[in-house]
PDB file of all heavy atoms in Angstrom:
ATOM      1  N   GLU A   1       3.197  19.529   5.024  1.00  0.00           N
ATOM      2  CA  GLU A   1       4.024  20.364   4.121  1.00  0.00           C
ATOM      3  C   GLU A   1       4.939  21.173   4.891  1.00  0.00           C
ATOM      4  O   GLU A   1       4.887  21.268   6.152  1.00  0.00           O
ATOM      5  CB  GLU A   1       3.048  21.249   3.335  1.00  0.00           C
ATOM      6  CG  GLU A   1       2.087  20.556   2.458  1.00  0.00           C
ATOM      7  CD  GLU A   1       1.154  21.495   1.623  1.00  0.00           C
ATOM      8  OE1 GLU A   1       1.326  22.705   1.761  1.00  0.00           O
ATOM      9  OE2 GLU A   1       0.276  21.016   0.915  1.00  0.00           O
ATOM     10  N   ALA A   2       5.872  21.794   4.270  1.00  0.00           N
ATOM     11  CA  ALA A   2       6.850  22.637   4.996  1.00  0.00           C
ATOM     12  C   ALA A   2       6.304  23.793   5.773  1.00  0.00           C
ATOM     13  O   ALA A   2       6.817  24.185   6.801  1.00  0.00           O
ATOM     14  CB  ALA A   2       7.841  23.252   3.908  1.00  0.00           C
ATOM     15  N   ASN A   3       5.067  24.278   5.390  1.00  0.00           N
ATOM     16  CA  ASN A   3       4.391  25.340   6.070  1.00  0.00           C
ATOM     17  C   ASN A   3       3.525  24.831   7.186  1.00  0.00           C
ATOM     18  O   ASN A   3       2.807  25.638   7.784  1.00  0.00           O
ATOM     19  CB  ASN A   3       3.581  26.178   5.077  1.00  0.00           C
ATOM     20  CG  ASN A   3       2.504  25.436   4.394  1.00  0.00           C
ATOM     21  OD1 ASN A   3       2.227  24.317   4.683  1.00  0.00           O
ATOM     22  ND2 ASN A   3       1.856  26.039   3.326  1.00  0.00           N
ATOM     23  N   GLY A   4       3.424  23.461   7.408  1.00  0.00           N
ATOM     24  CA  GLY A   4       2.692  22.933   8.468  1.00  0.00           C
ATOM     25  C   GLY A   4       1.281  22.458   8.031  1.00  0.00           C
ATOM     26  O   GLY A   4       0.538  21.854   8.836  1.00  0.00           O
ATOM     27  N   ASP A   5       0.871  22.731   6.771  1.00  0.00           N
ATOM     28  CA  ASP A   5      -0.392  22.240   6.342  1.00  0.00           C
ATOM     29  C   ASP A   5      -0.371  20.741   6.082  1.00  0.00           C
ATOM     30  O   ASP A   5       0.733  20.174   5.921  1.00  0.00           O
ATOM     31  CB  ASP A   5      -0.778  22.986   4.962  1.00  0.00           C
ATOM     32  CG  ASP A   5      -1.088  24.401   5.191  1.00  0.00           C
ATOM     33  OD1 ASP A   5      -1.370  24.867   6.351  1.00  0.00           O
ATOM     34  OD2 ASP A   5      -1.086  25.161   4.123  1.00  0.00           O
ATOM     35  N   ASN A   6      -1.538  20.120   6.060  1.00  0.00           N
ATOM     36  CA  ASN A   6      -1.621  18.729   5.784  1.00  0.00           C
ATOM     37  C   ASN A   6      -1.098  18.414   4.430  1.00  0.00           C
ATOM     38  O   ASN A   6      -1.378  19.078   3.462  1.00  0.00           O
ATOM     39  CB  ASN A   6      -3.051  18.225   5.885  1.00  0.00           C
ATOM     40  CG  ASN A   6      -3.620  18.219   7.306  1.00  0.00           C
ATOM     41  OD1 ASN A   6      -2.858  18.242   8.294  1.00  0.00           O
ATOM     42  ND2 ASN A   6      -4.886  18.181   7.516  1.00  0.00           N
ATOM     43  N   LEU A   7      -0.397  17.298   4.345  1.00  0.00           N
ATOM     44  CA  LEU A   7       0.134  16.871   3.050  1.00  0.00           C
ATOM     45  C   LEU A   7      -0.945  16.054   2.301  1.00  0.00           C
ATOM     46  O   LEU A   7      -1.390  15.017   2.789  1.00  0.00           O
ATOM     47  CB  LEU A   7       1.385  15.943   3.173  1.00  0.00           C
ATOM     48  CG  LEU A   7       2.049  15.507   1.942  1.00  0.00           C
ATOM     49  CD1 LEU A   7       2.838  16.628   1.252  1.00  0.00           C
ATOM     50  CD2 LEU A   7       2.905  14.295   2.266  1.00  0.00           C
ATOM     51  N   SER A   8      -1.471  16.564   1.130  1.00  0.00           N
ATOM     52  CA  SER A   8      -2.441  15.742   0.370  1.00  0.00           C
ATOM     53  C   SER A   8      -1.650  14.998  -0.675  1.00  0.00           C
ATOM     54  O   SER A   8      -0.490  15.304  -1.009  1.00  0.00           O
ATOM     55  CB  SER A   8      -3.446  16.752  -0.257  1.00  0.00           C
ATOM     56  OG  SER A   8      -2.757  17.648  -1.174  1.00  0.00           O
ATOM     57  N   ASP A   9      -2.342  14.027  -1.238  1.00  0.00           N
ATOM     58  CA  ASP A   9      -1.639  13.100  -2.205  1.00  0.00           C
ATOM     59  C   ASP A   9      -2.583  12.497  -3.190  1.00  0.00           C
ATOM     60  O   ASP A   9      -3.743  12.220  -2.878  1.00  0.00           O
ATOM     61  CB  ASP A   9      -0.930  11.976  -1.415  1.00  0.00           C
ATOM     62  CG  ASP A   9      -0.115  11.059  -2.215  1.00  0.00           C
ATOM     63  OD1 ASP A   9       1.010  11.378  -2.397  1.00  0.00           O
ATOM     64  OD2 ASP A   9      -0.662  10.098  -2.788  1.00  0.00           O
ATOM     65  N   SER A  10      -2.100  12.447  -4.454  1.00  0.00           N
ATOM     66  CA  SER A  10      -2.840  11.772  -5.514  1.00  0.00           C
ATOM     67  C   SER A  10      -1.957  10.613  -5.989  1.00  0.00           C
ATOM     68  O   SER A  10      -0.697  10.776  -6.005  1.00  0.00           O
ATOM     69  CB  SER A  10      -3.095  12.654  -6.633  1.00  0.00           C
ATOM     70  OG  SER A  10      -4.052  13.674  -6.283  1.00  0.00           O
ATOM     71  N   TYR A  11      -2.616   9.516  -6.426  1.00  0.00           N
ATOM     72  CA  TYR A  11      -1.895   8.422  -6.946  1.00  0.00           C
ATOM     73  C   TYR A  11      -2.595   7.920  -8.226  1.00  0.00           C
ATOM     74  O   TYR A  11      -3.867   7.669  -8.259  1.00  0.00           O
ATOM     75  CB  TYR A  11      -1.834   7.286  -5.926  1.00  0.00           C
ATOM     76  CG  TYR A  11      -1.069   6.070  -6.460  1.00  0.00           C
ATOM     77  CD1 TYR A  11       0.289   6.063  -6.614  1.00  0.00           C
ATOM     78  CD2 TYR A  11      -1.732   4.859  -6.791  1.00  0.00           C
ATOM     79  CE1 TYR A  11       1.017   4.955  -7.047  1.00  0.00           C
ATOM     80  CE2 TYR A  11      -1.034   3.709  -7.272  1.00  0.00           C
ATOM     81  CZ  TYR A  11       0.345   3.821  -7.408  1.00  0.00           C
ATOM     82  OH  TYR A  11       0.987   2.731  -7.878  1.00  0.00           O
ATOM     83  N   ILE A  12      -1.835   7.896  -9.316  1.00  0.00           N
ATOM     84  CA  ILE A  12      -2.438   7.455 -10.629  1.00  0.00           C
ATOM     85  C   ILE A  12      -1.698   6.181 -11.054  1.00  0.00           C
ATOM     86  O   ILE A  12      -0.399   6.253 -11.140  1.00  0.00           O
ATOM     87  CB  ILE A  12      -2.329   8.625 -11.732  1.00  0.00           C
ATOM     88  CG1 ILE A  12      -3.000   9.891 -11.196  1.00  0.00           C
ATOM     89  CG2 ILE A  12      -2.892   8.171 -13.006  1.00  0.00           C
ATOM     90  CD1 ILE A  12      -2.757  11.072 -12.108  1.00  0.00           C
ATOM     91  N   ALA A  13      -2.462   5.194 -11.480  1.00  0.00           N
ATOM     92  CA  ALA A  13      -1.746   3.972 -11.862  1.00  0.00           C
ATOM     93  C   ALA A  13      -2.404   3.365 -13.108  1.00  0.00           C
ATOM     94  O   ALA A  13      -3.658   3.430 -13.291  1.00  0.00           O
ATOM     95  CB  ALA A  13      -1.818   2.960 -10.752  1.00  0.00           C
ATOM     96  N   LEU A  14      -1.646   2.860 -14.002  1.00  0.00           N
ATOM     97  CA  LEU A  14      -2.116   2.049 -15.083  1.00  0.00           C
ATOM     98  C   LEU A  14      -1.751   0.516 -14.852  1.00  0.00           C
ATOM     99  O   LEU A  14      -0.533   0.263 -14.669  1.00  0.00           O
ATOM    100  CB  LEU A  14      -1.455   2.485 -16.373  1.00  0.00           C
ATOM    101  CG  LEU A  14      -1.900   1.821 -17.651  1.00  0.00           C
ATOM    102  CD1 LEU A  14      -3.431   1.997 -17.895  1.00  0.00           C
ATOM    103  CD2 LEU A  14      -1.095   2.209 -18.881  1.00  0.00           C
ATOM    104  N   VAL A  15      -2.747  -0.279 -14.799  1.00  0.00           N
ATOM    105  CA  VAL A  15      -2.529  -1.709 -14.404  1.00  0.00           C
ATOM    106  C   VAL A  15      -3.003  -2.595 -15.526  1.00  0.00           C
ATOM    107  O   VAL A  15      -4.036  -2.308 -16.125  1.00  0.00           O
ATOM    108  CB  VAL A  15      -3.268  -2.021 -13.111  1.00  0.00           C
ATOM    109  CG1 VAL A  15      -3.210  -3.456 -12.649  1.00  0.00           C
ATOM    110  CG2 VAL A  15      -2.882  -1.116 -12.023  1.00  0.00           C
ATOM    111  N   GLY A  16      -2.245  -3.584 -15.773  1.00  0.00           N
ATOM    112  CA  GLY A  16      -2.633  -4.575 -16.845  1.00  0.00           C
ATOM    113  C   GLY A  16      -2.448  -6.019 -16.413  1.00  0.00           C
ATOM    114  O   GLY A  16      -1.491  -6.296 -15.725  1.00  0.00           O
ATOM    115  N   ALA A  17      -3.402  -6.832 -16.827  1.00  0.00           N
ATOM    116  CA  ALA A  17      -3.364  -8.283 -16.592  1.00  0.00           C
ATOM    117  C   ALA A  17      -3.540  -9.007 -17.904  1.00  0.00           C
ATOM    118  O   ALA A  17      -4.730  -9.020 -18.405  1.00  0.00           O
ATOM    119  CB  ALA A  17      -4.367  -8.695 -15.457  1.00  0.00           C
ATOM    120  N   PHE A  18      -2.536  -9.552 -18.476  1.00  0.00           N
ATOM    121  CA  PHE A  18      -2.581 -10.110 -19.817  1.00  0.00           C
ATOM    122  C   PHE A  18      -2.487 -11.616 -19.770  1.00  0.00           C
ATOM    123  O   PHE A  18      -1.430 -12.204 -19.277  1.00  0.00           O
ATOM    124  CB  PHE A  18      -1.487  -9.525 -20.656  1.00  0.00           C
ATOM    125  CG  PHE A  18      -1.481  -8.020 -20.749  1.00  0.00           C
ATOM    126  CD1 PHE A  18      -0.694  -7.335 -19.898  1.00  0.00           C
ATOM    127  CD2 PHE A  18      -2.278  -7.407 -21.621  1.00  0.00           C
ATOM    128  CE1 PHE A  18      -0.714  -5.944 -19.923  1.00  0.00           C
ATOM    129  CE2 PHE A  18      -2.316  -6.015 -21.698  1.00  0.00           C
ATOM    130  CZ  PHE A  18      -1.530  -5.194 -20.849  1.00  0.00           C
ATOM    131  N   PRO A  19      -3.532 -12.407 -20.221  1.00  0.00           N
ATOM    132  CA  PRO A  19      -3.437 -13.840 -20.234  1.00  0.00           C
ATOM    133  C   PRO A  19      -2.315 -14.393 -21.085  1.00  0.00           C
ATOM    134  O   PRO A  19      -2.114 -13.927 -22.260  1.00  0.00           O
ATOM    135  CB  PRO A  19      -4.807 -14.265 -20.752  1.00  0.00           C
ATOM    136  CG  PRO A  19      -5.712 -13.078 -20.565  1.00  0.00           C
ATOM    137  CD  PRO A  19      -4.739 -11.869 -20.720  1.00  0.00           C
ATOM    138  N   ILE A  20      -1.528 -15.305 -20.588  1.00  0.00           N
ATOM    139  CA  ILE A  20      -0.479 -15.982 -21.375  1.00  0.00           C
ATOM    140  C   ILE A  20      -0.964 -17.311 -21.709  1.00  0.00           C
ATOM    141  O   ILE A  20      -0.899 -17.806 -22.873  1.00  0.00           O
ATOM    142  CB  ILE A  20       0.841 -16.017 -20.492  1.00  0.00           C
ATOM    143  CG1 ILE A  20       1.403 -14.685 -20.196  1.00  0.00           C
ATOM    144  CG2 ILE A  20       1.858 -16.869 -21.297  1.00  0.00           C
ATOM    145  CD1 ILE A  20       2.600 -14.729 -19.332  1.00  0.00           C
ATOM    146  N   THR A  21      -1.661 -18.043 -20.716  1.00  0.00           N
ATOM    147  CA  THR A  21      -2.326 -19.286 -20.973  1.00  0.00           C
ATOM    148  C   THR A  21      -3.641 -19.218 -20.241  1.00  0.00           C
ATOM    149  O   THR A  21      -3.957 -18.187 -19.639  1.00  0.00           O
ATOM    150  CB  THR A  21      -1.488 -20.480 -20.439  1.00  0.00           C
ATOM    151  OG1 THR A  21      -1.444 -20.420 -19.032  1.00  0.00           O
ATOM    152  CG2 THR A  21      -0.054 -20.456 -21.009  1.00  0.00           C
ATOM    153  N   ASP A  22      -4.369 -20.310 -20.160  1.00  0.00           N
ATOM    154  CA  ASP A  22      -5.647 -20.374 -19.418  1.00  0.00           C
ATOM    155  C   ASP A  22      -5.427 -20.121 -17.955  1.00  0.00           C
ATOM    156  O   ASP A  22      -6.340 -19.724 -17.255  1.00  0.00           O
ATOM    157  CB  ASP A  22      -6.324 -21.629 -19.675  1.00  0.00           C
ATOM    158  CG  ASP A  22      -6.859 -21.794 -21.062  1.00  0.00           C
ATOM    159  OD1 ASP A  22      -7.008 -20.741 -21.742  1.00  0.00           O
ATOM    160  OD2 ASP A  22      -7.185 -22.932 -21.501  1.00  0.00           O
ATOM    161  N   SER A  23      -4.265 -20.364 -17.408  1.00  0.00           N
ATOM    162  CA  SER A  23      -4.025 -20.272 -15.961  1.00  0.00           C
ATOM    163  C   SER A  23      -2.843 -19.378 -15.534  1.00  0.00           C
ATOM    164  O   SER A  23      -2.575 -19.201 -14.367  1.00  0.00           O
ATOM    165  CB  SER A  23      -3.726 -21.692 -15.359  1.00  0.00           C
ATOM    166  OG  SER A  23      -2.494 -22.260 -15.998  1.00  0.00           O
ATOM    167  N   VAL A  24      -2.235 -18.687 -16.511  1.00  0.00           N
ATOM    168  CA  VAL A  24      -1.122 -17.868 -16.259  1.00  0.00           C
ATOM    169  C   VAL A  24      -1.370 -16.444 -16.862  1.00  0.00           C
ATOM    170  O   VAL A  24      -1.688 -16.315 -17.999  1.00  0.00           O
ATOM    171  CB  VAL A  24       0.249 -18.460 -16.812  1.00  0.00           C
ATOM    172  CG1 VAL A  24       1.430 -17.449 -16.560  1.00  0.00           C
ATOM    173  CG2 VAL A  24       0.467 -19.833 -16.241  1.00  0.00           C
ATOM    174  N   ASN A  25      -1.089 -15.422 -15.963  1.00  0.00           N
ATOM    175  CA  ASN A  25      -1.260 -14.057 -16.379  1.00  0.00           C
ATOM    176  C   ASN A  25       0.092 -13.309 -16.250  1.00  0.00           C
ATOM    177  O   ASN A  25       0.837 -13.523 -15.317  1.00  0.00           O
ATOM    178  CB  ASN A  25      -2.296 -13.276 -15.571  1.00  0.00           C
ATOM    179  CG  ASN A  25      -3.762 -13.629 -16.037  1.00  0.00           C
ATOM    180  OD1 ASN A  25      -3.953 -14.259 -17.025  1.00  0.00           O
ATOM    181  ND2 ASN A  25      -4.667 -13.024 -15.327  1.00  0.00           N
ATOM    182  N   LEU A  26       0.274 -12.392 -17.150  1.00  0.00           N
ATOM    183  CA  LEU A  26       1.386 -11.417 -17.022  1.00  0.00           C
ATOM    184  C   LEU A  26       0.765 -10.149 -16.460  1.00  0.00           C
ATOM    185  O   LEU A  26      -0.159  -9.575 -16.997  1.00  0.00           O
ATOM    186  CB  LEU A  26       1.950 -11.071 -18.409  1.00  0.00           C
ATOM    187  CG  LEU A  26       3.025  -9.968 -18.440  1.00  0.00           C
ATOM    188  CD1 LEU A  26       4.293 -10.348 -17.651  1.00  0.00           C
ATOM    189  CD2 LEU A  26       3.389  -9.598 -19.889  1.00  0.00           C
ATOM    190  N   ASN A  27       1.325  -9.645 -15.294  1.00  0.00           N
ATOM    191  CA  ASN A  27       0.699  -8.593 -14.576  1.00  0.00           C
ATOM    192  C   ASN A  27       1.750  -7.413 -14.585  1.00  0.00           C
ATOM    193  O   ASN A  27       2.868  -7.590 -14.221  1.00  0.00           O
ATOM    194  CB  ASN A  27       0.497  -8.946 -13.125  1.00  0.00           C
ATOM    195  CG  ASN A  27      -0.466 -10.121 -13.127  1.00  0.00           C
ATOM    196  OD1 ASN A  27      -1.610 -10.038 -13.538  1.00  0.00           O
ATOM    197  ND2 ASN A  27      -0.064 -11.256 -12.479  1.00  0.00           N
ATOM    198  N   VAL A  28       1.307  -6.279 -15.061  1.00  0.00           N
ATOM    199  CA  VAL A  28       2.188  -5.068 -15.160  1.00  0.00           C
ATOM    200  C   VAL A  28       1.460  -3.886 -14.597  1.00  0.00           C
ATOM    201  O   VAL A  28       0.258  -3.719 -14.725  1.00  0.00           O
ATOM    202  CB  VAL A  28       2.466  -4.764 -16.722  1.00  0.00           C
ATOM    203  CG1 VAL A  28       3.391  -3.618 -16.845  1.00  0.00           C
ATOM    204  CG2 VAL A  28       2.998  -6.003 -17.417  1.00  0.00           C
ATOM    205  N   SER A  29       2.218  -3.074 -13.908  1.00  0.00           N
ATOM    206  CA  SER A  29       1.665  -1.845 -13.396  1.00  0.00           C
ATOM    207  C   SER A  29       2.758  -0.739 -13.313  1.00  0.00           C
ATOM    208  O   SER A  29       3.875  -1.069 -13.015  1.00  0.00           O
ATOM    209  CB  SER A  29       0.974  -2.022 -12.010  1.00  0.00           C
ATOM    210  OG  SER A  29       1.937  -2.209 -10.983  1.00  0.00           O
ATOM    211  N   VAL A  30       2.249   0.488 -13.474  1.00  0.00           N
ATOM    212  CA  VAL A  30       3.233   1.671 -13.224  1.00  0.00           C
ATOM    213  C   VAL A  30       2.325   2.739 -12.582  1.00  0.00           C
ATOM    214  O   VAL A  30       1.170   3.009 -13.027  1.00  0.00           O
ATOM    215  CB  VAL A  30       3.833   2.148 -14.557  1.00  0.00           C
ATOM    216  CG1 VAL A  30       2.773   2.553 -15.618  1.00  0.00           C
ATOM    217  CG2 VAL A  30       4.784   3.281 -14.266  1.00  0.00           C
ATOM    218  N   GLY A  31       2.816   3.368 -11.558  1.00  0.00           N
ATOM    219  CA  GLY A  31       2.086   4.362 -10.793  1.00  0.00           C
ATOM    220  C   GLY A  31       2.845   5.511 -10.502  1.00  0.00           C
ATOM    221  O   GLY A  31       4.097   5.480 -10.365  1.00  0.00           O
ATOM    222  N   ASP A  32       2.214   6.709 -10.354  1.00  0.00           N
ATOM    223  CA  ASP A  32       2.853   7.995 -10.044  1.00  0.00           C
ATOM    224  C   ASP A  32       2.206   8.541  -8.729  1.00  0.00           C
ATOM    225  O   ASP A  32       0.983   8.777  -8.714  1.00  0.00           O
ATOM    226  CB  ASP A  32       2.667   8.929 -11.172  1.00  0.00           C
ATOM    227  CG  ASP A  32       3.558  10.145 -11.061  1.00  0.00           C
ATOM    228  OD1 ASP A  32       4.358  10.223 -10.139  1.00  0.00           O
ATOM    229  OD2 ASP A  32       3.430  11.074 -11.825  1.00  0.00           O
ATOM    230  N   THR A  33       2.966   8.727  -7.673  1.00  0.00           N
ATOM    231  CA  THR A  33       2.511   9.295  -6.486  1.00  0.00           C
ATOM    232  C   THR A  33       2.897  10.794  -6.566  1.00  0.00           C
ATOM    233  O   THR A  33       4.056  11.208  -6.741  1.00  0.00           O
ATOM    234  CB  THR A  33       3.302   8.751  -5.243  1.00  0.00           C
ATOM    235  OG1 THR A  33       2.858   7.325  -5.162  1.00  0.00           O
ATOM    236  CG2 THR A  33       2.907   9.512  -3.997  1.00  0.00           C
ATOM    237  N   ILE A  34       1.838  11.655  -6.409  1.00  0.00           N
ATOM    238  CA  ILE A  34       1.999  13.083  -6.515  1.00  0.00           C
ATOM    239  C   ILE A  34       1.483  13.777  -5.329  1.00  0.00           C
ATOM    240  O   ILE A  34       0.301  13.738  -5.032  1.00  0.00           O
ATOM    241  CB  ILE A  34       1.269  13.615  -7.844  1.00  0.00           C
ATOM    242  CG1 ILE A  34       1.618  12.866  -9.107  1.00  0.00           C
ATOM    243  CG2 ILE A  34       1.491  15.095  -7.986  1.00  0.00           C
ATOM    244  CD1 ILE A  34       0.704  13.073 -10.215  1.00  0.00           C
ATOM    245  N   SER A  35       2.383  14.338  -4.484  1.00  0.00           N
ATOM    246  CA  SER A  35       1.990  15.028  -3.260  1.00  0.00           C
ATOM    247  C   SER A  35       1.987  16.492  -3.418  1.00  0.00           C
ATOM    248  O   SER A  35       2.506  17.074  -4.350  1.00  0.00           O
ATOM    249  CB  SER A  35       2.939  14.518  -2.135  1.00  0.00           C
ATOM    250  OG  SER A  35       2.894  13.113  -1.985  1.00  0.00           O
TER     251      SER A  35
END
């Protein structure tokens, strides 16, 4: 951090894997990095 302390971090993500066929998936994710 600007004051010299260690930078901590959180990461939150929503992930989805949706079958299109028996062998094909649609994969979607969105994440937020919060320091």
